[in-house]
PDB file of all heavy atoms in Angstrom:
ATOM      1  N   GLU A   1       5.289  29.050  51.884  1.00  0.00           N
ATOM      2  CA  GLU A   1       6.509  28.663  52.584  1.00  0.00           C
ATOM      3  C   GLU A   1       6.219  27.610  53.648  1.00  0.00           C
ATOM      4  O   GLU A   1       7.086  26.792  53.975  1.00  0.00           O
ATOM      5  CB  GLU A   1       7.151  29.890  53.224  1.00  0.00           C
ATOM      6  CG  GLU A   1       7.637  30.917  52.200  1.00  0.00           C
ATOM      7  CD  GLU A   1       8.226  32.136  52.875  1.00  0.00           C
ATOM      8  OE1 GLU A   1       8.247  32.180  54.128  1.00  0.00           O
ATOM      9  OE2 GLU A   1       8.665  33.049  52.156  1.00  0.00           O
ATOM     10  N   ALA A   2       5.042  27.651  54.230  1.00  0.00           N
ATOM     11  CA  ALA A   2       4.625  26.680  55.236  1.00  0.00           C
ATOM     12  C   ALA A   2       3.129  26.436  55.047  1.00  0.00           C
ATOM     13  O   ALA A   2       2.441  27.232  54.416  1.00  0.00           O
ATOM     14  CB  ALA A   2       4.917  27.195  56.639  1.00  0.00           C
ATOM     15  N   PHE A   3       2.642  25.324  55.624  1.00  0.00           N
ATOM     16  CA  PHE A   3       1.256  24.917  55.385  1.00  0.00           C
ATOM     17  C   PHE A   3       0.515  24.790  56.711  1.00  0.00           C
ATOM     18  O   PHE A   3       1.062  24.304  57.700  1.00  0.00           O
ATOM     19  CB  PHE A   3       1.234  23.588  54.619  1.00  0.00           C
ATOM     20  CG  PHE A   3       2.044  23.627  53.342  1.00  0.00           C
ATOM     21  CD1 PHE A   3       3.349  23.170  53.328  1.00  0.00           C
ATOM     22  CD2 PHE A   3       1.511  24.156  52.180  1.00  0.00           C
ATOM     23  CE1 PHE A   3       4.105  23.216  52.168  1.00  0.00           C
ATOM     24  CE2 PHE A   3       2.252  24.203  51.012  1.00  0.00           C
ATOM     25  CZ  PHE A   3       3.552  23.745  51.002  1.00  0.00           C
ATOM     26  N   HIS A   4      -0.744  25.228  56.705  1.00  0.00           N
ATOM     27  CA  HIS A   4      -1.530  25.179  57.934  1.00  0.00           C
ATOM     28  C   HIS A   4      -3.011  25.314  57.601  1.00  0.00           C
ATOM     29  O   HIS A   4      -3.381  25.586  56.458  1.00  0.00           O
ATOM     30  CB  HIS A   4      -1.114  26.314  58.872  1.00  0.00           C
ATOM     31  CG  HIS A   4      -1.435  27.677  58.335  1.00  0.00           C
ATOM     32  ND1 HIS A   4      -0.527  28.453  57.656  1.00  0.00           N
ATOM     33  CD2 HIS A   4      -2.588  28.398  58.359  1.00  0.00           C
ATOM     34  CE1 HIS A   4      -1.086  29.586  57.285  1.00  0.00           C
ATOM     35  NE2 HIS A   4      -2.350  29.567  57.697  1.00  0.00           N
ATOM     36  N   LEU A   5      -3.849  25.116  58.613  1.00  0.00           N
ATOM     37  CA  LEU A   5      -5.299  25.327  58.514  1.00  0.00           C
ATOM     38  C   LEU A   5      -5.687  26.325  59.597  1.00  0.00           C
ATOM     39  O   LEU A   5      -5.471  26.079  60.786  1.00  0.00           O
ATOM     40  CB  LEU A   5      -6.067  24.014  58.684  1.00  0.00           C
ATOM     41  CG  LEU A   5      -5.766  22.949  57.623  1.00  0.00           C
ATOM     42  CD1 LEU A   5      -4.701  21.990  58.127  1.00  0.00           C
ATOM     43  CD2 LEU A   5      -7.025  22.188  57.231  1.00  0.00           C
ATOM     44  N   SER A   6      -6.228  27.453  59.198  1.00  0.00           N
ATOM     45  CA  SER A   6      -6.513  28.547  60.130  1.00  0.00           C
ATOM     46  C   SER A   6      -7.678  28.212  61.052  1.00  0.00           C
ATOM     47  O   SER A   6      -8.684  27.639  60.631  1.00  0.00           O
ATOM     48  CB  SER A   6      -6.839  29.825  59.361  1.00  0.00           C
ATOM     49  OG  SER A   6      -5.696  30.304  58.678  1.00  0.00           O
ATOM     50  N   LEU A   7      -7.531  28.633  62.314  1.00  0.00           N
ATOM     51  CA  LEU A   7      -8.599  28.549  63.307  1.00  0.00           C
ATOM     52  C   LEU A   7      -9.030  29.929  63.773  1.00  0.00           C
ATOM     53  O   LEU A   7      -9.949  30.056  64.591  1.00  0.00           O
ATOM     54  CB  LEU A   7      -8.136  27.737  64.524  1.00  0.00           C
ATOM     55  CG  LEU A   7      -7.711  26.298  64.274  1.00  0.00           C
ATOM     56  CD1 LEU A   7      -7.207  25.667  65.571  1.00  0.00           C
ATOM     57  CD2 LEU A   7      -8.848  25.477  63.674  1.00  0.00           C
ATOM     58  N   SER A   8      -8.367  30.970  63.272  1.00  0.00           N
ATOM     59  CA  SER A   8      -8.717  32.338  63.652  1.00  0.00           C
ATOM     60  C   SER A   8      -8.398  33.274  62.506  1.00  0.00           C
ATOM     61  O   SER A   8      -7.638  32.935  61.590  1.00  0.00           O
ATOM     62  CB  SER A   8      -7.929  32.783  64.898  1.00  0.00           C
ATOM     63  OG  SER A   8      -6.605  33.156  64.547  1.00  0.00           O
ATOM     64  N   GLN A   9      -8.974  34.450  62.558  1.00  0.00           N
ATOM     65  CA  GLN A   9      -8.511  35.529  61.712  1.00  0.00           C
ATOM     66  C   GLN A   9      -7.211  36.073  62.295  1.00  0.00           C
ATOM     67  O   GLN A   9      -6.820  35.734  63.407  1.00  0.00           O
ATOM     68  CB  GLN A   9      -9.550  36.647  61.644  1.00  0.00           C
ATOM     69  CG  GLN A   9     -10.887  36.229  61.048  1.00  0.00           C
ATOM     70  CD  GLN A   9     -11.778  37.416  60.754  1.00  0.00           C
ATOM     71  OE1 GLN A   9     -11.378  38.350  60.072  1.00  0.00           O
ATOM     72  NE2 GLN A   9     -13.000  37.385  61.267  1.00  0.00           N
ATOM     73  N   SER A  10      -6.548  36.922  61.547  1.00  0.00           N
ATOM     74  CA  SER A  10      -5.369  37.612  62.062  1.00  0.00           C
ATOM     75  C   SER A  10      -5.857  38.774  62.922  1.00  0.00           C
ATOM     76  O   SER A  10      -6.632  39.610  62.464  1.00  0.00           O
ATOM     77  CB  SER A  10      -4.529  38.123  60.891  1.00  0.00           C
ATOM     78  OG  SER A  10      -3.180  38.175  61.235  1.00  0.00           O
ATOM     79  N   VAL A  11      -5.431  38.795  64.186  1.00  0.00           N
ATOM     80  CA  VAL A  11      -5.876  39.827  65.123  1.00  0.00           C
ATOM     81  C   VAL A  11      -4.653  40.524  65.718  1.00  0.00           C
ATOM     82  O   VAL A  11      -3.522  40.078  65.544  1.00  0.00           O
ATOM     83  CB  VAL A  11      -6.737  39.228  66.251  1.00  0.00           C
ATOM     84  CG1 VAL A  11      -8.012  38.617  65.690  1.00  0.00           C
ATOM     85  CG2 VAL A  11      -5.948  38.178  67.046  1.00  0.00           C
ATOM     86  N   VAL A  12      -4.891  41.623  66.404  1.00  0.00           N
ATOM     87  CA  VAL A  12      -3.809  42.404  67.012  1.00  0.00           C
ATOM     88  C   VAL A  12      -3.824  42.212  68.528  1.00  0.00           C
ATOM     89  O   VAL A  12      -4.858  42.389  69.169  1.00  0.00           O
ATOM     90  CB  VAL A  12      -3.964  43.900  66.682  1.00  0.00           C
ATOM     91  CG1 VAL A  12      -2.892  44.715  67.409  1.00  0.00           C
ATOM     92  CG2 VAL A  12      -3.855  44.124  65.180  1.00  0.00           C
ATOM     93  N   LEU A  13      -2.661  41.817  69.078  1.00  0.00           N
ATOM     94  CA  LEU A  13      -2.496  41.699  70.526  1.00  0.00           C
ATOM     95  C   LEU A  13      -1.481  42.723  71.003  1.00  0.00           C
ATOM     96  O   LEU A  13      -0.452  42.920  70.359  1.00  0.00           O
ATOM     97  CB  LEU A  13      -1.978  40.307  70.909  1.00  0.00           C
ATOM     98  CG  LEU A  13      -2.974  39.169  71.080  1.00  0.00           C
ATOM     99  CD1 LEU A  13      -2.221  37.913  71.480  1.00  0.00           C
ATOM    100  CD2 LEU A  13      -4.027  39.504  72.118  1.00  0.00           C
ATOM    101  N   ARG A  14      -1.752  43.357  72.124  1.00  0.00           N
ATOM    102  CA  ARG A  14      -0.740  44.149  72.785  1.00  0.00           C
ATOM    103  C   ARG A  14       0.309  43.209  73.383  1.00  0.00           C
ATOM    104  O   ARG A  14      -0.003  42.074  73.724  1.00  0.00           O
ATOM    105  CB  ARG A  14      -1.365  45.011  73.889  1.00  0.00           C
ATOM    106  CG  ARG A  14      -2.398  46.006  73.401  1.00  0.00           C
ATOM    107  CD  ARG A  14      -1.797  47.073  72.514  1.00  0.00           C
ATOM    108  NE  ARG A  14      -0.852  47.916  73.237  1.00  0.00           N
ATOM    109  CZ  ARG A  14      -0.091  48.837  72.673  1.00  0.00           C
ATOM    110  NH1 ARG A  14      -0.145  49.021  71.362  1.00  0.00           N
ATOM    111  NH2 ARG A  14       0.728  49.555  73.403  1.00  0.00           N
ATOM    112  N   HIS A  15       1.529  43.696  73.512  1.00  0.00           N
ATOM    113  CA  HIS A  15       2.619  42.819  73.951  1.00  0.00           C
ATOM    114  C   HIS A  15       2.328  42.154  75.292  1.00  0.00           C
ATOM    115  O   HIS A  15       2.590  40.961  75.476  1.00  0.00           O
ATOM    116  CB  HIS A  15       3.920  43.634  74.025  1.00  0.00           C
ATOM    117  CG  HIS A  15       5.102  42.835  74.471  1.00  0.00           C
ATOM    118  ND1 HIS A  15       5.525  42.796  75.779  1.00  0.00           N
ATOM    119  CD2 HIS A  15       5.935  42.018  73.776  1.00  0.00           C
ATOM    120  CE1 HIS A  15       6.572  41.990  75.871  1.00  0.00           C
ATOM    121  NE2 HIS A  15       6.841  41.516  74.683  1.00  0.00           N
ATOM    122  N   HIS A  16       1.776  42.897  76.233  1.00  0.00           N
ATOM    123  CA  HIS A  16       1.550  42.341  77.566  1.00  0.00           C
ATOM    124  C   HIS A  16       0.369  41.380  77.605  1.00  0.00           C
ATOM    125  O   HIS A  16       0.123  40.747  78.625  1.00  0.00           O
ATOM    126  CB  HIS A  16       1.343  43.470  78.592  1.00  0.00           C
ATOM    127  CG  HIS A  16       0.205  44.384  78.271  1.00  0.00           C
ATOM    128  ND1 HIS A  16       0.315  45.439  77.394  1.00  0.00           N
ATOM    129  CD2 HIS A  16      -1.087  44.397  78.697  1.00  0.00           C
ATOM    130  CE1 HIS A  16      -0.845  46.070  77.306  1.00  0.00           C
ATOM    131  NE2 HIS A  16      -1.724  45.460  78.077  1.00  0.00           N
ATOM    132  N   TRP A  17      -0.369  41.251  76.494  1.00  0.00           N
ATOM    133  CA  TRP A  17      -1.467  40.283  76.429  1.00  0.00           C
ATOM    134  C   TRP A  17      -1.004  38.925  75.913  1.00  0.00           C
ATOM    135  O   TRP A  17      -1.757  37.947  76.010  1.00  0.00           O
ATOM    136  CB  TRP A  17      -2.561  40.785  75.491  1.00  0.00           C
ATOM    137  CG  TRP A  17      -3.385  41.912  76.001  1.00  0.00           C
ATOM    138  CD1 TRP A  17      -3.350  42.474  77.247  1.00  0.00           C
ATOM    139  CD2 TRP A  17      -4.399  42.624  75.274  1.00  0.00           C
ATOM    140  NE1 TRP A  17      -4.257  43.503  77.334  1.00  0.00           N
ATOM    141  CE2 TRP A  17      -4.919  43.610  76.141  1.00  0.00           C
ATOM    142  CE3 TRP A  17      -4.901  42.520  73.986  1.00  0.00           C
ATOM    143  CZ2 TRP A  17      -5.924  44.483  75.744  1.00  0.00           C
ATOM    144  CZ3 TRP A  17      -5.906  43.404  73.597  1.00  0.00           C
ATOM    145  CH2 TRP A  17      -6.415  44.370  74.464  1.00  0.00           C
ATOM    146  N   ILE A  18       0.156  38.831  75.321  1.00  0.00           N
ATOM    147  CA  ILE A  18       0.541  37.615  74.598  1.00  0.00           C
ATOM    148  C   ILE A  18       0.518  36.389  75.511  1.00  0.00           C
ATOM    149  O   ILE A  18      -0.145  35.385  75.206  1.00  0.00           O
ATOM    150  CB  ILE A  18       1.925  37.773  73.942  1.00  0.00           C
ATOM    151  CG1 ILE A  18       1.868  38.852  72.862  1.00  0.00           C
ATOM    152  CG2 ILE A  18       2.378  36.446  73.334  1.00  0.00           C
ATOM    153  CD1 ILE A  18       3.230  39.157  72.245  1.00  0.00           C
ATOM    154  N   LEU A  19       1.242  36.437  76.614  1.00  0.00           N
ATOM    155  CA  LEU A  19       1.311  35.255  77.480  1.00  0.00           C
ATOM    156  C   LEU A  19      -0.044  34.897  78.106  1.00  0.00           C
ATOM    157  O   LEU A  19      -0.403  33.706  78.125  1.00  0.00           O
ATOM    158  CB  LEU A  19       2.380  35.454  78.549  1.00  0.00           C
ATOM    159  CG  LEU A  19       3.828  35.486  78.037  1.00  0.00           C
ATOM    160  CD1 LEU A  19       4.805  35.639  79.198  1.00  0.00           C
ATOM    161  CD2 LEU A  19       4.153  34.233  77.234  1.00  0.00           C
ATOM    162  N   PRO A  20      -0.833  35.847  78.609  1.00  0.00           N
ATOM    163  CA  PRO A  20      -2.178  35.476  79.098  1.00  0.00           C
ATOM    164  C   PRO A  20      -3.061  34.897  77.997  1.00  0.00           C
ATOM    165  O   PRO A  20      -3.829  33.953  78.245  1.00  0.00           O
ATOM    166  CB  PRO A  20      -2.739  36.809  79.618  1.00  0.00           C
ATOM    167  CG  PRO A  20      -1.551  37.635  79.930  1.00  0.00           C
ATOM    168  CD  PRO A  20      -0.510  37.268  78.928  1.00  0.00           C
ATOM    169  N   PHE A  21      -2.945  35.432  76.783  1.00  0.00           N
ATOM    170  CA  PHE A  21      -3.732  34.919  75.658  1.00  0.00           C
ATOM    171  C   PHE A  21      -3.338  33.477  75.356  1.00  0.00           C
ATOM    172  O   PHE A  21      -4.207  32.603  75.186  1.00  0.00           O
ATOM    173  CB  PHE A  21      -3.489  35.808  74.433  1.00  0.00           C
ATOM    174  CG  PHE A  21      -4.219  35.368  73.189  1.00  0.00           C
ATOM    175  CD1 PHE A  21      -5.531  35.758  72.963  1.00  0.00           C
ATOM    176  CD2 PHE A  21      -3.581  34.585  72.231  1.00  0.00           C
ATOM    177  CE1 PHE A  21      -6.200  35.357  71.803  1.00  0.00           C
ATOM    178  CE2 PHE A  21      -4.245  34.188  71.082  1.00  0.00           C
ATOM    179  CZ  PHE A  21      -5.558  34.579  70.867  1.00  0.00           C
ATOM    180  N   VAL A  22      -2.036  33.206  75.284  1.00  0.00           N
ATOM    181  CA  VAL A  22      -1.561  31.848  74.990  1.00  0.00           C
ATOM    182  C   VAL A  22      -1.957  30.887  76.104  1.00  0.00           C
ATOM    183  O   VAL A  22      -2.370  29.745  75.843  1.00  0.00           O
ATOM    184  CB  VAL A  22      -0.035  31.851  74.784  1.00  0.00           C
ATOM    185  CG1 VAL A  22       0.509  30.427  74.718  1.00  0.00           C
ATOM    186  CG2 VAL A  22       0.323  32.618  73.509  1.00  0.00           C
ATOM    187  N   GLN A  23      -1.873  31.330  77.350  1.00  0.00           N
ATOM    188  CA  GLN A  23      -2.271  30.453  78.460  1.00  0.00           C
ATOM    189  C   GLN A  23      -3.754  30.120  78.384  1.00  0.00           C
ATOM    190  O   GLN A  23      -4.158  28.970  78.649  1.00  0.00           O
ATOM    191  CB  GLN A  23      -1.954  31.118  79.802  1.00  0.00           C
ATOM    192  CG  GLN A  23      -2.206  30.219  81.005  1.00  0.00           C
ATOM    193  CD  GLN A  23      -1.397  28.935  80.933  1.00  0.00           C
ATOM    194  OE1 GLN A  23      -0.183  28.958  80.805  1.00  0.00           O
ATOM    195  NE2 GLN A  23      -2.080  27.790  81.032  1.00  0.00           N
ATOM    196  N   ALA A  24      -4.580  31.091  78.007  1.00  0.00           N
ATOM    197  CA  ALA A  24      -6.017  30.830  77.859  1.00  0.00           C
ATOM    198  C   ALA A  24      -6.263  29.812  76.752  1.00  0.00           C
ATOM    199  O   ALA A  24      -7.126  28.924  76.887  1.00  0.00           O
ATOM    200  CB  ALA A  24      -6.753  32.137  77.566  1.00  0.00           C
ATOM    201  N   LEU A  25      -5.505  29.918  75.657  1.00  0.00           N
ATOM    202  CA  LEU A  25      -5.625  28.923  74.586  1.00  0.00           C
ATOM    203  C   LEU A  25      -5.225  27.537  75.080  1.00  0.00           C
ATOM    204  O   LEU A  25      -5.901  26.536  74.784  1.00  0.00           O
ATOM    205  CB  LEU A  25      -4.747  29.313  73.401  1.00  0.00           C
ATOM    206  CG  LEU A  25      -5.246  30.397  72.450  1.00  0.00           C
ATOM    207  CD1 LEU A  25      -4.176  30.706  71.411  1.00  0.00           C
ATOM    208  CD2 LEU A  25      -6.545  29.960  71.757  1.00  0.00           C
ATOM    209  N   LYS A  26      -4.130  27.461  75.806  1.00  0.00           N
ATOM    210  CA  LYS A  26      -3.666  26.168  76.325  1.00  0.00           C
ATOM    211  C   LYS A  26      -4.712  25.534  77.239  1.00  0.00           C
ATOM    212  O   LYS A  26      -4.959  24.323  77.172  1.00  0.00           O
ATOM    213  CB  LYS A  26      -2.345  26.345  77.076  1.00  0.00           C
ATOM    214  CG  LYS A  26      -1.157  26.630  76.175  1.00  0.00           C
ATOM    215  CD  LYS A  26       0.129  26.762  76.979  1.00  0.00           C
ATOM    216  CE  LYS A  26       1.320  26.975  76.057  1.00  0.00           C
ATOM    217  NZ  LYS A  26       2.591  27.117  76.814  1.00  0.00           N
ATOM    218  N   ASP A  27      -5.330  26.345  78.069  1.00  0.00           N
ATOM    219  CA  ASP A  27      -6.369  25.823  78.966  1.00  0.00           C
ATOM    220  C   ASP A  27      -7.546  25.274  78.171  1.00  0.00           C
ATOM    221  O   ASP A  27      -8.114  24.229  78.518  1.00  0.00           O
ATOM    222  CB  ASP A  27      -6.845  26.933  79.903  1.00  0.00           C
ATOM    223  CG  ASP A  27      -5.771  27.370  80.898  1.00  0.00           C
ATOM    224  OD1 ASP A  27      -4.784  26.622  81.070  1.00  0.00           O
ATOM    225  OD2 ASP A  27      -5.913  28.469  81.462  1.00  0.00           O
ATOM    226  N   ARG A  28      -7.916  25.953  77.101  1.00  0.00           N
ATOM    227  CA  ARG A  28      -9.042  25.516  76.271  1.00  0.00           C
ATOM    228  C   ARG A  28      -8.724  24.249  75.491  1.00  0.00           C
ATOM    229  O   ARG A  28      -9.605  23.403  75.251  1.00  0.00           O
ATOM    230  CB  ARG A  28      -9.419  26.637  75.298  1.00  0.00           C
ATOM    231  CG  ARG A  28     -10.107  27.823  75.934  1.00  0.00           C
ATOM    232  CD  ARG A  28     -11.530  27.478  76.281  1.00  0.00           C
ATOM    233  NE  ARG A  28     -12.237  28.600  76.902  1.00  0.00           N
ATOM    234  CZ  ARG A  28     -13.461  28.502  77.373  1.00  0.00           C
ATOM    235  NH1 ARG A  28     -14.115  27.362  77.310  1.00  0.00           N
ATOM    236  NH2 ARG A  28     -14.042  29.543  77.929  1.00  0.00           N
ATOM    237  N   MET A  29      -7.484  24.112  75.045  1.00  0.00           N
ATOM    238  CA  MET A  29      -7.107  22.976  74.187  1.00  0.00           C
ATOM    239  C   MET A  29      -6.701  21.736  74.978  1.00  0.00           C
ATOM    240  O   MET A  29      -6.540  20.667  74.400  1.00  0.00           O
ATOM    241  CB  MET A  29      -5.950  23.385  73.271  1.00  0.00           C
ATOM    242  CG  MET A  29      -6.295  24.495  72.293  1.00  0.00           C
ATOM    243  SD  MET A  29      -7.666  24.008  71.191  1.00  0.00           S
ATOM    244  CE  MET A  29      -8.158  25.617  70.549  1.00  0.00           C
ATOM    245  N   ALA A  30      -6.525  21.873  76.283  1.00  0.00           N
ATOM    246  CA  ALA A  30      -5.991  20.774  77.095  1.00  0.00           C
ATOM    247  C   ALA A  30      -6.833  19.505  77.004  1.00  0.00           C
ATOM    248  O   ALA A  30      -6.296  18.388  77.077  1.00  0.00           O
ATOM    249  CB  ALA A  30      -5.871  21.218  78.547  1.00  0.00           C
ATOM    250  N   SER A  31      -8.134  19.633  76.825  1.00  0.00           N
ATOM    251  CA  SER A  31      -9.009  18.452  76.810  1.00  0.00           C
ATOM    252  C   SER A  31      -9.390  18.013  75.402  1.00  0.00           C
ATOM    253  O   SER A  31     -10.128  17.037  75.234  1.00  0.00           O
ATOM    254  CB  SER A  31     -10.286  18.747  77.604  1.00  0.00           C
ATOM    255  OG  SER A  31     -11.002  19.819  77.016  1.00  0.00           O
ATOM    256  N   ARG A  32      -8.894  18.698  74.379  1.00  0.00           N
ATOM    257  CA  ARG A  32      -9.273  18.386  72.997  1.00  0.00           C
ATOM    258  C   ARG A  32      -8.464  17.215  72.458  1.00  0.00           C
ATOM    259  O   ARG A  32      -7.260  17.129  72.653  1.00  0.00           O
ATOM    260  CB  ARG A  32      -9.105  19.617  72.101  1.00  0.00           C
ATOM    261  CG  ARG A  32     -10.147  20.691  72.355  1.00  0.00           C
ATOM    262  CD  ARG A  32     -11.525  20.176  71.985  1.00  0.00           C
ATOM    263  NE  ARG A  32     -12.612  21.029  72.468  1.00  0.00           N
ATOM    264  CZ  ARG A  32     -13.872  20.752  72.282  1.00  0.00           C
ATOM    265  NH1 ARG A  32     -14.237  19.644  71.653  1.00  0.00           N
ATOM    266  NH2 ARG A  32     -14.811  21.559  72.745  1.00  0.00           N
ATOM    267  N   GLN A  33      -9.151  16.322  71.739  1.00  0.00           N
ATOM    268  CA  GLN A  33      -8.532  15.098  71.228  1.00  0.00           C
ATOM    269  C   GLN A  33      -7.925  15.326  69.836  1.00  0.00           C
ATOM    270  O   GLN A  33      -8.384  16.153  69.060  1.00  0.00           O
ATOM    271  CB  GLN A  33      -9.589  13.993  71.123  1.00  0.00           C
ATOM    272  CG  GLN A  33     -10.271  13.639  72.416  1.00  0.00           C
ATOM    273  CD  GLN A  33      -9.376  12.838  73.345  1.00  0.00           C
ATOM    274  OE1 GLN A  33      -8.476  12.143  72.908  1.00  0.00           O
ATOM    275  NE2 GLN A  33      -9.650  12.937  74.637  1.00  0.00           N
ATOM    276  N   ARG A  34      -6.876  14.542  69.548  1.00  0.00           N
ATOM    277  CA  ARG A  34      -6.348  14.491  68.189  1.00  0.00           C
ATOM    278  C   ARG A  34      -7.381  13.860  67.262  1.00  0.00           C
ATOM    279  O   ARG A  34      -8.234  13.101  67.702  1.00  0.00           O
ATOM    280  CB  ARG A  34      -5.057  13.661  68.153  1.00  0.00           C
ATOM    281  CG  ARG A  34      -3.951  14.203  69.041  1.00  0.00           C
ATOM    282  CD  ARG A  34      -2.713  13.326  68.963  1.00  0.00           C
ATOM    283  NE  ARG A  34      -1.662  13.815  69.845  1.00  0.00           N
ATOM    284  CZ  ARG A  34      -0.428  13.324  69.876  1.00  0.00           C
ATOM    285  NH1 ARG A  34      -0.097  12.325  69.069  1.00  0.00           N
ATOM    286  NH2 ARG A  34       0.469  13.841  70.701  1.00  0.00           N
ATOM    287  N   PHE A  35      -7.258  14.155  65.970  1.00  0.00           N
ATOM    288  CA  PHE A  35      -8.220  13.585  65.018  1.00  0.00           C
ATOM    289  C   PHE A  35      -7.606  13.535  63.628  1.00  0.00           C
ATOM    290  O   PHE A  35      -6.574  14.176  63.353  1.00  0.00           O
ATOM    291  CB  PHE A  35      -9.519  14.394  65.007  1.00  0.00           C
ATOM    292  CG  PHE A  35      -9.355  15.837  64.583  1.00  0.00           C
ATOM    293  CD1 PHE A  35      -9.524  16.231  63.253  1.00  0.00           C
ATOM    294  CD2 PHE A  35      -9.041  16.814  65.527  1.00  0.00           C
ATOM    295  CE1 PHE A  35      -9.374  17.551  62.865  1.00  0.00           C
ATOM    296  CE2 PHE A  35      -8.895  18.148  65.144  1.00  0.00           C
ATOM    297  CZ  PHE A  35      -9.067  18.510  63.810  1.00  0.00           C
ATOM    298  N   CYS A  36      -8.228  12.777  62.753  1.00  0.00           N
ATOM    299  CA  CYS A  36      -7.805  12.694  61.351  1.00  0.00           C
ATOM    300  C   CYS A  36      -8.730  13.539  60.484  1.00  0.00           C
ATOM    301  O   CYS A  36      -9.927  13.659  60.783  1.00  0.00           O
ATOM    302  CB  CYS A  36      -7.837  11.250  60.859  1.00  0.00           C
ATOM    303  SG  CYS A  36      -6.585  10.192  61.600  1.00  0.00           S
TER     304      CYS A  36
END
């Protein structure tokens, strides 16, 4: 139905972890460059 390239396995997050987890990802990706 949609197309993607995985960067992780499927994992389980508790509800109250979602926003801290996403913020940690954003902090890590902030300096990463686009590429072909």
